[in-house]
Amino acid sequence: MTRGEARFLYIISRERPDLYRRISADFADLPHVTIIMDRRVRLRLPVHERRAVTIDEDLEALGWAIVPQRVAATRRVS
């Protein structure tokens, strides 16, 4: 992965194993993309974090959600 290249985490709904297989195959050669099944347990508690709400909405509507991941900056030694 080159410096500055974005990393992405795809979360696939556990109700869509077909989508998990397809997306995993589509992105298999891209080291900056990680695909996982949603492992969360639905407790129906109030959600206070906007990102969690967006992920839940995307999983329900689309069957998947994309979460951009921060890439750690490498320090240059002079």
PDB file of N, CA and C in Angstrom:
ATOM      1  N   MET A   1       0.838  -1.171   0.000  1.00  0.00           N
ATOM      2  CA  MET A   1       0.000   0.000   0.000  1.00  0.00           C
ATOM      3  C   MET A   1       0.885   1.236   0.000  1.00  0.00           C
ATOM      4  N   THR A   2       0.560   2.185  -0.827  1.00  0.00           N
ATOM      5  CA  THR A   2       1.351   3.401  -0.896  1.00  0.00           C
ATOM      6  C   THR A   2       0.890   4.397   0.146  1.00  0.00           C
ATOM      7  N   ARG A   3       1.793   5.296   0.494  1.00  0.00           N
ATOM      8  CA  ARG A   3       1.477   6.310   1.488  1.00  0.00           C
ATOM      9  C   ARG A   3       0.319   7.167   0.986  1.00  0.00           C
ATOM     10  N   GLY A   4      -0.646   7.421   1.867  1.00  0.00           N
ATOM     11  CA  GLY A   4      -1.784   8.241   1.509  1.00  0.00           C
ATOM     12  C   GLY A   4      -2.937   7.465   0.886  1.00  0.00           C
ATOM     13  N   GLU A   5      -2.735   6.180   0.637  1.00  0.00           N
ATOM     14  CA  GLU A   5      -3.801   5.377   0.056  1.00  0.00           C
ATOM     15  C   GLU A   5      -4.827   5.061   1.143  1.00  0.00           C
ATOM     16  N   ALA A   6      -6.090   5.256   0.842  1.00  0.00           N
ATOM     17  CA  ALA A   6      -7.153   5.024   1.817  1.00  0.00           C
ATOM     18  C   ALA A   6      -7.345   3.539   2.072  1.00  0.00           C
ATOM     19  N   ARG A   7      -7.757   3.218   3.291  1.00  0.00           N
ATOM     20  CA  ARG A   7      -8.120   1.851   3.660  1.00  0.00           C
ATOM     21  C   ARG A   7      -9.613   1.835   3.943  1.00  0.00           C
ATOM     22  N   PHE A   8     -10.275   0.748   3.577  1.00  0.00           N
ATOM     23  CA  PHE A   8     -11.709   0.658   3.773  1.00  0.00           C
ATOM     24  C   PHE A   8     -12.087  -0.679   4.397  1.00  0.00           C
ATOM     25  N   LEU A   9     -13.074  -0.618   5.263  1.00  0.00           N
ATOM     26  CA  LEU A   9     -13.644  -1.801   5.884  1.00  0.00           C
ATOM     27  C   LEU A   9     -15.070  -1.929   5.385  1.00  0.00           C
ATOM     28  N   TYR A  10     -15.373  -3.038   4.719  1.00  0.00           N
ATOM     29  CA  TYR A  10     -16.744  -3.326   4.301  1.00  0.00           C
ATOM     30  C   TYR A  10     -17.361  -4.230   5.355  1.00  0.00           C
ATOM     31  N   ILE A  11     -18.494  -3.836   5.882  1.00  0.00           N
ATOM     32  CA  ILE A  11     -19.243  -4.662   6.826  1.00  0.00           C
ATOM     33  C   ILE A  11     -20.458  -5.172   6.077  1.00  0.00           C
ATOM     34  N   ILE A  12     -20.599  -6.493   6.016  1.00  0.00           N
ATOM     35  CA  ILE A  12     -21.694  -7.111   5.282  1.00  0.00           C
ATOM     36  C   ILE A  12     -22.711  -7.672   6.267  1.00  0.00           C
ATOM     37  N   SER A  13     -23.977  -7.440   5.995  1.00  0.00           N
ATOM     38  CA  SER A  13     -25.050  -7.939   6.843  1.00  0.00           C
ATOM     39  C   SER A  13     -24.959  -9.457   6.970  1.00  0.00           C
ATOM     40  N   ARG A  14     -25.151  -9.961   8.182  1.00  0.00           N
ATOM     41  CA  ARG A  14     -25.108 -11.422   8.372  1.00  0.00           C
ATOM     42  C   ARG A  14     -26.252 -12.116   7.649  1.00  0.00           C
ATOM     43  N   GLU A  15     -27.247 -11.335   7.237  1.00  0.00           N
ATOM     44  CA  GLU A  15     -28.369 -11.888   6.477  1.00  0.00           C
ATOM     45  C   GLU A  15     -28.055 -12.002   4.989  1.00  0.00           C
ATOM     46  N   ARG A  16     -26.846 -11.570   4.568  1.00  0.00           N
ATOM     47  CA  ARG A  16     -26.476 -11.578   3.160  1.00  0.00           C
ATOM     48  C   ARG A  16     -25.158 -12.314   2.909  1.00  0.00           C
ATOM     49  N   PRO A  17     -25.076 -13.613   3.243  1.00  0.00           N
ATOM     50  CA  PRO A  17     -23.828 -14.350   2.994  1.00  0.00           C
ATOM     51  C   PRO A  17     -23.459 -14.397   1.510  1.00  0.00           C
ATOM     52  N   ASP A  18     -24.453 -14.334   0.627  1.00  0.00           N
ATOM     53  CA  ASP A  18     -24.185 -14.291  -0.813  1.00  0.00           C
ATOM     54  C   ASP A  18     -23.425 -13.028  -1.188  1.00  0.00           C
ATOM     55  N   LEU A  19     -23.808 -11.919  -0.617  1.00  0.00           N
ATOM     56  CA  LEU A  19     -23.135 -10.656  -0.861  1.00  0.00           C
ATOM     57  C   LEU A  19     -21.716 -10.669  -0.295  1.00  0.00           C
ATOM     58  N   TYR A  20     -21.546 -11.288   0.868  1.00  0.00           N
ATOM     59  CA  TYR A  20     -20.216 -11.417   1.473  1.00  0.00           C
ATOM     60  C   TYR A  20     -19.275 -12.178   0.535  1.00  0.00           C
ATOM     61  N   ARG A  21     -19.745 -13.295  -0.002  1.00  0.00           N
ATOM     62  CA  ARG A  21     -18.919 -14.088  -0.918  1.00  0.00           C
ATOM     63  C   ARG A  21     -18.565 -13.295  -2.177  1.00  0.00           C
ATOM     64  N   ARG A  22     -19.537 -12.598  -2.734  1.00  0.00           N
ATOM     65  CA  ARG A  22     -19.307 -11.848  -3.967  1.00  0.00           C
ATOM     66  C   ARG A  22     -18.334 -10.684  -3.758  1.00  0.00           C
ATOM     67  N   ILE A  23     -18.568  -9.894  -2.715  1.00  0.00           N
ATOM     68  CA  ILE A  23     -17.695  -8.743  -2.462  1.00  0.00           C
ATOM     69  C   ILE A  23     -16.296  -9.210  -2.069  1.00  0.00           C
ATOM     70  N   SER A  24     -16.202 -10.294  -1.300  1.00  0.00           N
ATOM     71  CA  SER A  24     -14.883 -10.834  -0.939  1.00  0.00           C
ATOM     72  C   SER A  24     -14.109 -11.232  -2.189  1.00  0.00           C
ATOM     73  N   ALA A  25     -14.788 -11.853  -3.128  1.00  0.00           N
ATOM     74  CA  ALA A  25     -14.126 -12.255  -4.372  1.00  0.00           C
ATOM     75  C   ALA A  25     -13.736 -11.034  -5.211  1.00  0.00           C
ATOM     76  N   ASP A  26     -14.627 -10.041  -5.269  1.00  0.00           N
ATOM     77  CA  ASP A  26     -14.367  -8.842  -6.066  1.00  0.00           C
ATOM     78  C   ASP A  26     -13.158  -8.058  -5.574  1.00  0.00           C
ATOM     79  N   PHE A  27     -12.949  -8.020  -4.247  1.00  0.00           N
ATOM     80  CA  PHE A  27     -11.880  -7.218  -3.669  1.00  0.00           C
ATOM     81  C   PHE A  27     -10.706  -8.049  -3.142  1.00  0.00           C
ATOM     82  N   ALA A  28     -10.644  -9.291  -3.513  1.00  0.00           N
ATOM     83  CA  ALA A  28      -9.610 -10.196  -2.992  1.00  0.00           C
ATOM     84  C   ALA A  28      -8.193  -9.703  -3.264  1.00  0.00           C
ATOM     85  N   ASP A  29      -7.969  -9.021  -4.362  1.00  0.00           N
ATOM     86  CA  ASP A  29      -6.624  -8.577  -4.733  1.00  0.00           C
ATOM     87  C   ASP A  29      -6.265  -7.189  -4.211  1.00  0.00           C
ATOM     88  N   LEU A  30      -7.147  -6.583  -3.423  1.00  0.00           N
ATOM     89  CA  LEU A  30      -6.903  -5.233  -2.928  1.00  0.00           C
ATOM     90  C   LEU A  30      -6.544  -5.279  -1.440  1.00  0.00           C
ATOM     91  N   PRO A  31      -5.268  -5.102  -1.104  1.00  0.00           N
ATOM     92  CA  PRO A  31      -4.845  -5.227   0.290  1.00  0.00           C
ATOM     93  C   PRO A  31      -5.362  -4.119   1.192  1.00  0.00           C
ATOM     94  N   HIS A  32      -5.857  -3.028   0.625  1.00  0.00           N
ATOM     95  CA  HIS A  32      -6.354  -1.928   1.447  1.00  0.00           C
ATOM     96  C   HIS A  32      -7.855  -2.027   1.730  1.00  0.00           C
ATOM     97  N   VAL A  33      -8.477  -3.140   1.332  1.00  0.00           N
ATOM     98  CA  VAL A  33      -9.898  -3.360   1.586  1.00  0.00           C
ATOM     99  C   VAL A  33     -10.051  -4.608   2.441  1.00  0.00           C
ATOM    100  N   THR A  34     -10.799  -4.474   3.549  1.00  0.00           N
ATOM    101  CA  THR A  34     -11.093  -5.604   4.432  1.00  0.00           C
ATOM    102  C   THR A  34     -12.603  -5.822   4.425  1.00  0.00           C
ATOM    103  N   ILE A  35     -13.034  -7.074   4.289  1.00  0.00           N
ATOM    104  CA  ILE A  35     -14.451  -7.408   4.277  1.00  0.00           C
ATOM    105  C   ILE A  35     -14.735  -8.321   5.462  1.00  0.00           C
ATOM    106  N   ILE A  36     -15.755  -7.947   6.261  1.00  0.00           N
ATOM    107  CA  ILE A  36     -16.155  -8.776   7.400  1.00  0.00           C
ATOM    108  C   ILE A  36     -17.679  -8.874   7.448  1.00  0.00           C
ATOM    109  N   MET A  37     -18.157  -9.924   8.099  1.00  0.00           N
ATOM    110  CA  MET A  37     -19.592 -10.055   8.369  1.00  0.00           C
ATOM    111  C   MET A  37     -19.905  -9.277   9.636  1.00  0.00           C
ATOM    112  N   ASP A  38     -21.089  -8.684   9.691  1.00  0.00           N
ATOM    113  CA  ASP A  38     -21.529  -7.966  10.882  1.00  0.00           C
ATOM    114  C   ASP A  38     -21.698  -8.978  12.011  1.00  0.00           C
ATOM    115  N   ARG A  39     -20.923  -8.810  13.082  1.00  0.00           N
ATOM    116  CA  ARG A  39     -20.969  -9.750  14.204  1.00  0.00           C
ATOM    117  C   ARG A  39     -21.698  -9.178  15.407  1.00  0.00           C
ATOM    118  N   ARG A  40     -22.183  -7.956  15.264  1.00  0.00           N
ATOM    119  CA  ARG A  40     -22.816  -7.302  16.409  1.00  0.00           C
ATOM    120  C   ARG A  40     -24.119  -7.983  16.791  1.00  0.00           C
ATOM    121  N   VAL A  41     -24.426  -7.947  18.062  1.00  0.00           N
ATOM    122  CA  VAL A  41     -25.689  -8.468  18.579  1.00  0.00           C
ATOM    123  C   VAL A  41     -26.631  -7.281  18.710  1.00  0.00           C
ATOM    124  N   ARG A  42     -27.801  -7.404  18.158  1.00  0.00           N
ATOM    125  CA  ARG A  42     -28.781  -6.317  18.193  1.00  0.00           C
ATOM    126  C   ARG A  42     -29.464  -6.269  19.554  1.00  0.00           C
ATOM    127  N   LEU A  43     -29.201  -5.214  20.303  1.00  0.00           N
ATOM    128  CA  LEU A  43     -29.791  -5.074  21.627  1.00  0.00           C
ATOM    129  C   LEU A  43     -30.905  -4.044  21.655  1.00  0.00           C
ATOM    130  N   ARG A  44     -31.076  -3.305  20.591  1.00  0.00           N
ATOM    131  CA  ARG A  44     -32.096  -2.268  20.481  1.00  0.00           C
ATOM    132  C   ARG A  44     -31.992  -1.215  21.575  1.00  0.00           C
ATOM    133  N   LEU A  45     -30.777  -0.887  21.940  1.00  0.00           N
ATOM    134  CA  LEU A  45     -30.535   0.193  22.880  1.00  0.00           C
ATOM    135  C   LEU A  45     -30.399   1.487  22.100  1.00  0.00           C
ATOM    136  N   PRO A  46     -30.644   2.633  22.736  1.00  0.00           N
ATOM    137  CA  PRO A  46     -30.458   3.898  22.014  1.00  0.00           C
ATOM    138  C   PRO A  46     -29.014   4.044  21.546  1.00  0.00           C
ATOM    139  N   VAL A  47     -28.848   4.485  20.336  1.00  0.00           N
ATOM    140  CA  VAL A  47     -27.515   4.672  19.772  1.00  0.00           C
ATOM    141  C   VAL A  47     -27.218   6.163  19.768  1.00  0.00           C
ATOM    142  N   HIS A  48     -26.099   6.536  20.356  1.00  0.00           N
ATOM    143  CA  HIS A  48     -25.761   7.942  20.467  1.00  0.00           C
ATOM    144  C   HIS A  48     -24.665   8.371  19.502  1.00  0.00           C
ATOM    145  N   GLU A  49     -24.062   7.441  18.836  1.00  0.00           N
ATOM    146  CA  GLU A  49     -22.995   7.786  17.912  1.00  0.00           C
ATOM    147  C   GLU A  49     -23.519   7.777  16.484  1.00  0.00           C
ATOM    148  N   ARG A  50     -23.380   8.879  15.790  1.00  0.00           N
ATOM    149  CA  ARG A  50     -23.918   9.020  14.440  1.00  0.00           C
ATOM    150  C   ARG A  50     -23.389   7.957  13.486  1.00  0.00           C
ATOM    151  N   ARG A  51     -22.102   7.630  13.582  1.00  0.00           N
ATOM    152  CA  ARG A  51     -21.510   6.636  12.680  1.00  0.00           C
ATOM    153  C   ARG A  51     -22.204   5.286  12.841  1.00  0.00           C
ATOM    154  N   ALA A  52     -22.509   4.890  14.072  1.00  0.00           N
ATOM    155  CA  ALA A  52     -23.182   3.610  14.308  1.00  0.00           C
ATOM    156  C   ALA A  52     -24.571   3.614  13.689  1.00  0.00           C
ATOM    157  N   VAL A  53     -25.277   4.730  13.766  1.00  0.00           N
ATOM    158  CA  VAL A  53     -26.607   4.841  13.163  1.00  0.00           C
ATOM    159  C   VAL A  53     -26.505   4.695  11.651  1.00  0.00           C
ATOM    160  N   THR A  54     -25.551   5.356  11.043  1.00  0.00           N
ATOM    161  CA  THR A  54     -25.371   5.285   9.599  1.00  0.00           C
ATOM    162  C   THR A  54     -25.039   3.860   9.161  1.00  0.00           C
ATOM    163  N   ILE A  55     -24.180   3.175   9.894  1.00  0.00           N
ATOM    164  CA  ILE A  55     -23.839   1.790   9.566  1.00  0.00           C
ATOM    165  C   ILE A  55     -25.076   0.909   9.659  1.00  0.00           C
ATOM    166  N   ASP A  56     -25.861   1.059  10.713  1.00  0.00           N
ATOM    167  CA  ASP A  56     -27.081   0.273  10.860  1.00  0.00           C
ATOM    168  C   ASP A  56     -28.047   0.527   9.708  1.00  0.00           C
ATOM    169  N   GLU A  57     -28.212   1.786   9.332  1.00  0.00           N
ATOM    170  CA  GLU A  57     -29.115   2.127   8.228  1.00  0.00           C
ATOM    171  C   GLU A  57     -28.632   1.524   6.914  1.00  0.00           C
ATOM    172  N   ASP A  58     -27.342   1.619   6.645  1.00  0.00           N
ATOM    173  CA  ASP A  58     -26.788   1.056   5.412  1.00  0.00           C
ATOM    174  C   ASP A  58     -26.922  -0.467   5.383  1.00  0.00           C
ATOM    175  N   LEU A  59     -26.638  -1.113   6.509  1.00  0.00           N
ATOM    176  CA  LEU A  59     -26.754  -2.573   6.559  1.00  0.00           C
ATOM    177  C   LEU A  59     -28.187  -3.014   6.294  1.00  0.00           C
ATOM    178  N   GLU A  60     -29.140  -2.296   6.873  1.00  0.00           N
ATOM    179  CA  GLU A  60     -30.533  -2.674   6.685  1.00  0.00           C
ATOM    180  C   GLU A  60     -31.007  -2.395   5.257  1.00  0.00           C
ATOM    181  N   ALA A  61     -30.636  -1.236   4.720  1.00  0.00           N
ATOM    182  CA  ALA A  61     -31.119  -0.853   3.391  1.00  0.00           C
ATOM    183  C   ALA A  61     -30.355  -1.535   2.256  1.00  0.00           C
ATOM    184  N   LEU A  62     -29.032  -1.643   2.398  1.00  0.00           N
ATOM    185  CA  LEU A  62     -28.199  -2.128   1.300  1.00  0.00           C
ATOM    186  C   LEU A  62     -27.652  -3.539   1.502  1.00  0.00           C
ATOM    187  N   GLY A  63     -27.558  -3.941   2.770  1.00  0.00           N
ATOM    188  CA  GLY A  63     -26.939  -5.230   3.072  1.00  0.00           C
ATOM    189  C   GLY A  63     -25.453  -5.093   3.345  1.00  0.00           C
ATOM    190  N   TRP A  64     -24.903  -3.866   3.231  1.00  0.00           N
ATOM    191  CA  TRP A  64     -23.486  -3.629   3.470  1.00  0.00           C
ATOM    192  C   TRP A  64     -23.268  -2.175   3.862  1.00  0.00           C
ATOM    193  N   ALA A  65     -22.120  -1.905   4.461  1.00  0.00           N
ATOM    194  CA  ALA A  65     -21.720  -0.543   4.816  1.00  0.00           C
ATOM    195  C   ALA A  65     -20.216  -0.430   4.623  1.00  0.00           C
ATOM    196  N   ILE A  66     -19.750   0.753   4.275  1.00  0.00           N
ATOM    197  CA  ILE A  66     -18.320   1.005   4.117  1.00  0.00           C
ATOM    198  C   ILE A  66     -17.872   1.930   5.235  1.00  0.00           C
ATOM    199  N   VAL A  67     -16.775   1.548   5.895  1.00  0.00           N
ATOM    200  CA  VAL A  67     -16.209   2.365   6.967  1.00  0.00           C
ATOM    201  C   VAL A  67     -14.788   2.736   6.576  1.00  0.00           C
ATOM    202  N   PRO A  68     -14.541   4.017   6.269  1.00  0.00           N
ATOM    203  CA  PRO A  68     -13.168   4.429   5.976  1.00  0.00           C
ATOM    204  C   PRO A  68     -12.302   4.248   7.225  1.00  0.00           C
ATOM    205  N   GLN A  69     -11.079   3.793   7.056  1.00  0.00           N
ATOM    206  CA  GLN A  69     -10.169   3.593   8.170  1.00  0.00           C
ATOM    207  C   GLN A  69      -9.019   4.560   8.051  1.00  0.00           C
ATOM    208  N   ARG A  70      -8.583   5.061   9.177  1.00  0.00           N
ATOM    209  CA  ARG A  70      -7.442   5.972   9.185  1.00  0.00           C
ATOM    210  C   ARG A  70      -6.167   5.208   8.871  1.00  0.00           C
ATOM    211  N   VAL A  71      -5.329   5.813   8.088  1.00  0.00           N
ATOM    212  CA  VAL A  71      -4.030   5.238   7.792  1.00  0.00           C
ATOM    213  C   VAL A  71      -3.030   5.993   8.670  1.00  0.00           C
ATOM    214  N   ALA A  72      -2.284   5.250   9.458  1.00  0.00           N
ATOM    215  CA  ALA A  72      -1.306   5.873  10.341  1.00  0.00           C
ATOM    216  C   ALA A  72      -0.232   6.551   9.511  1.00  0.00           C
ATOM    217  N   ALA A  73       0.044   7.764   9.869  1.00  0.00           N
ATOM    218  CA  ALA A  73       1.099   8.506   9.168  1.00  0.00           C
ATOM    219  C   ALA A  73       2.455   7.961   9.581  1.00  0.00           C
ATOM    220  N   THR A  74       3.319   7.785   8.625  1.00  0.00           N
ATOM    221  CA  THR A  74       4.665   7.306   8.958  1.00  0.00           C
ATOM    222  C   THR A  74       5.550   8.496   9.227  1.00  0.00           C
ATOM    223  N   ARG A  75       6.335   8.402  10.251  1.00  0.00           N
ATOM    224  CA  ARG A  75       7.246   9.502  10.614  1.00  0.00           C
ATOM    225  C   ARG A  75       8.515   9.375   9.818  1.00  0.00           C
ATOM    226  N   ARG A  76       8.958  10.485   9.316  1.00  0.00           N
ATOM    227  CA  ARG A  76      10.219  10.520   8.579  1.00  0.00           C
ATOM    228  C   ARG A  76      11.359  10.793   9.553  1.00  0.00           C
ATOM    229  N   VAL A  77      12.387  10.052   9.434  1.00  0.00           N
ATOM    230  CA  VAL A  77      13.575  10.271  10.252  1.00  0.00           C
ATOM    231  C   VAL A  77      14.590  10.993   9.380  1.00  0.00           C
ATOM    232  N   SER A  78      15.003  12.184   9.835  1.00  0.00           N
ATOM    233  CA  SER A  78      15.957  12.944   9.011  1.00  0.00           C
ATOM    234  C   SER A  78      17.361  12.726   9.469  1.00  0.00           C
TER     235      SER A  78
END
